[in-house]
C-alpha atoms as a PDB file:
ATOM      1  CA  MET A   1       1.648   5.626 -14.040  1.00  0.00           C
ATOM      2  CA  PRO A   2       3.479   2.346 -13.404  1.00  0.00           C
ATOM      3  CA  SER A   3       1.697  -0.831 -14.473  1.00  0.00           C
ATOM      4  CA  THR A   4       1.442  -1.837 -10.826  1.00  0.00           C
ATOM      5  CA  SER A   5      -1.702   0.272 -11.031  1.00  0.00           C
ATOM      6  CA  ASN A   6      -3.734  -2.583 -12.545  1.00  0.00           C
ATOM      7  CA  TRP A   7      -3.461  -4.992  -9.635  1.00  0.00           C
ATOM      8  CA  LEU A   8      -3.471  -2.211  -7.030  1.00  0.00           C
ATOM      9  CA  HIS A   9      -6.691  -0.800  -8.508  1.00  0.00           C
ATOM     10  CA  ARG A  10      -8.276  -4.258  -8.296  1.00  0.00           C
ATOM     11  CA  LEU A  11      -7.359  -4.270  -4.589  1.00  0.00           C
ATOM     12  CA  GLU A  12      -9.139  -0.888  -4.213  1.00  0.00           C
ATOM     13  CA  PHE A  13      -5.989   1.236  -3.944  1.00  0.00           C
ATOM     14  CA  GLU A  14      -6.012   4.837  -5.137  1.00  0.00           C
ATOM     15  CA  VAL A  15      -3.141   7.193  -5.870  1.00  0.00           C
ATOM     16  CA  TRP A  16      -2.723   9.517  -2.912  1.00  0.00           C
ATOM     17  CA  GLN A  17      -0.421  12.510  -2.891  1.00  0.00           C
ATOM     18  CA  VAL A  18       0.846  15.436  -0.928  1.00  0.00           C
ATOM     19  CA  PRO A  19       1.445  17.980  -3.730  1.00  0.00           C
ATOM     20  CA  GLY A  20       5.134  18.646  -4.282  1.00  0.00           C
ATOM     21  CA  VAL A  21       6.150  16.140  -1.609  1.00  0.00           C
ATOM     22  CA  SER A  22       5.135  12.529  -2.229  1.00  0.00           C
ATOM     23  CA  ARG A  23       2.853  10.027  -3.991  1.00  0.00           C
ATOM     24  CA  ALA A  24       1.749   6.594  -2.842  1.00  0.00           C
ATOM     25  CA  TRP A  25      -0.834   3.908  -3.470  1.00  0.00           C
ATOM     26  CA  ARG A  26      -3.338   4.073  -0.590  1.00  0.00           C
ATOM     27  CA  ARG A  27      -6.023   1.623   0.526  1.00  0.00           C
ATOM     28  CA  GLU A  28      -8.320   2.528   3.381  1.00  0.00           C
ATOM     29  CA  PHE A  29     -10.045  -0.084   5.534  1.00  0.00           C
ATOM     30  CA  ALA A  30     -13.496   0.094   7.162  1.00  0.00           C
ATOM     31  CA  ASP A  31     -12.046   1.171  10.517  1.00  0.00           C
ATOM     32  CA  GLY A  32     -10.268   4.171   8.932  1.00  0.00           C
ATOM     33  CA  SER A  33      -6.825   2.606   9.071  1.00  0.00           C
ATOM     34  CA  TYR A  34      -4.925   2.475   5.801  1.00  0.00           C
ATOM     35  CA  VAL A  35      -1.974   1.043   3.917  1.00  0.00           C
ATOM     36  CA  LEU A  36       0.504   2.962   1.745  1.00  0.00           C
ATOM     37  CA  VAL A  37       2.671   1.341  -0.943  1.00  0.00           C
ATOM     38  CA  THR A  38       5.609   3.365  -2.311  1.00  0.00           C
ATOM     39  CA  ASP A  39       9.056   3.031  -3.814  1.00  0.00           C
ATOM     40  CA  PRO A  40      11.824   2.171  -1.293  1.00  0.00           C
ATOM     41  CA  GLY A  41      12.507   5.868  -0.677  1.00  0.00           C
ATOM     42  CA  GLY A  42       8.928   6.353   0.499  1.00  0.00           C
ATOM     43  CA  TYR A  43       8.212   9.410  -1.645  1.00  0.00           C
ATOM     44  CA  ASP A  44       6.930   8.118  -4.978  1.00  0.00           C
ATOM     45  CA  LEU A  45       4.948   5.372  -6.696  1.00  0.00           C
ATOM     46  CA  PRO A  46       6.913   2.145  -7.078  1.00  0.00           C
ATOM     47  CA  GLU A  47       8.389   1.085 -10.398  1.00  0.00           C
ATOM     48  CA  THR A  48       6.677  -1.728 -12.300  1.00  0.00           C
ATOM     49  CA  GLY A  49       9.086  -4.470 -11.202  1.00  0.00           C
ATOM     50  CA  GLY A  50       9.613  -3.167  -7.689  1.00  0.00           C
ATOM     51  CA  PRO A  51      11.059  -3.019  -5.200  1.00  0.00           C
ATOM     52  CA  TYR A  52       8.223  -1.807  -3.003  1.00  0.00           C
ATOM     53  CA  SER A  53       7.917  -0.364   0.472  1.00  0.00           C
ATOM     54  CA  ALA A  54       4.710  -0.493   2.501  1.00  0.00           C
ATOM     55  CA  MET A  55       3.345   0.752   5.778  1.00  0.00           C
ATOM     56  CA  ALA A  56       0.130   0.299   7.726  1.00  0.00           C
ATOM     57  CA  LEU A  57      -1.212   3.238   9.720  1.00  0.00           C
ATOM     58  CA  THR A  58      -4.113   3.742  12.101  1.00  0.00           C
ATOM     59  CA  ALA A  59      -7.001   6.091  11.382  1.00  0.00           C
ATOM     60  CA  THR A  60      -5.107   8.717  13.425  1.00  0.00           C
ATOM     61  CA  ASP A  61      -1.944   8.320  11.300  1.00  0.00           C
ATOM     62  CA  GLU A  62       0.027   6.329  13.879  1.00  0.00           C
ATOM     63  CA  LEU A  63       2.406   3.794  12.369  1.00  0.00           C
ATOM     64  CA  ARG A  64       1.113   0.277  12.954  1.00  0.00           C
ATOM     65  CA  GLU A  65       3.632  -1.644  10.872  1.00  0.00           C
ATOM     66  CA  LEU A  66       6.437  -0.886   8.402  1.00  0.00           C
ATOM     67  CA  GLN A  67       7.724  -3.198   5.682  1.00  0.00           C
ATOM     68  CA  PRO A  68      10.768  -1.463   4.203  1.00  0.00           C
ATOM     69  CA  LEU A  69      11.335  -3.745   1.221  1.00  0.00           C
ATOM     70  CA  PHE A  70       9.260  -6.170  -0.831  1.00  0.00           C
ATOM     71  CA  SER A  71      10.710  -7.531  -4.045  1.00  0.00           C
ATOM     72  CA  THR A  72       7.532  -8.957  -5.611  1.00  0.00           C
ATOM     73  CA  THR A  73       3.851  -8.127  -5.860  1.00  0.00           C
ATOM     74  CA  GLN A  74       3.082 -11.521  -4.270  1.00  0.00           C
ATOM     75  CA  ASP A  75       4.996 -10.427  -1.151  1.00  0.00           C
ATOM     76  CA  ILE A  76       2.850  -7.312  -0.916  1.00  0.00           C
ATOM     77  CA  TYR A  77      -0.360  -9.286  -1.385  1.00  0.00           C
ATOM     78  CA  ARG A  78       0.576 -11.678   1.451  1.00  0.00           C
ATOM     79  CA  TRP A  79       1.341  -8.719   3.692  1.00  0.00           C
ATOM     80  CA  LEU A  80      -2.002  -7.084   2.792  1.00  0.00           C
ATOM     81  CA  ARG A  81      -3.789 -10.267   3.842  1.00  0.00           C
ATOM     82  CA  HIS A  82      -1.992  -9.928   7.185  1.00  0.00           C
ATOM     83  CA  CYS A  83      -3.205  -6.316   7.445  1.00  0.00           C
ATOM     84  CA  GLN A  84      -6.731  -7.469   6.630  1.00  0.00           C
ATOM     85  CA  ARG A  85      -6.725  -9.579   9.782  1.00  0.00           C
ATOM     86  CA  LEU A  86      -6.062  -6.379  11.745  1.00  0.00           C
ATOM     87  CA  THR A  87      -9.140  -4.637  10.278  1.00  0.00           C
ATOM     88  CA  ASP A  88     -12.580  -5.219   8.829  1.00  0.00           C
ATOM     89  CA  GLY A  89     -11.193  -4.743   5.295  1.00  0.00           C
ATOM     90  CA  LYS A  90     -11.771  -7.280   2.570  1.00  0.00           C
ATOM     91  CA  LEU A  91      -9.251  -8.247  -0.096  1.00  0.00           C
ATOM     92  CA  SER A  92      -9.842 -10.028  -3.379  1.00  0.00           C
ATOM     93  CA  PRO A  93      -7.093 -11.942  -5.172  1.00  0.00           C
ATOM     94  CA  PRO A  94      -5.142  -9.778  -7.653  1.00  0.00           C
END
């Protein structure tokens, strides 16, 4: 598992997968909406040094926001703080 797991675990992400199809880091918020972080192709966990792709979805799996490319973990963290404002979720610094 890529070392991105350490900071993603601290932000309450879990590995989520559709067997034989894709894997992503997933964090669910109190309202049921969630965020997925993947590699740029969208089908696997990101490599340690990135790049990263992320998307926010509603509790009914409707796309709320897509961020096709982040180059650093700090970029993802800033975006997660933005997503937090859309939900009741809480984030702690990585």
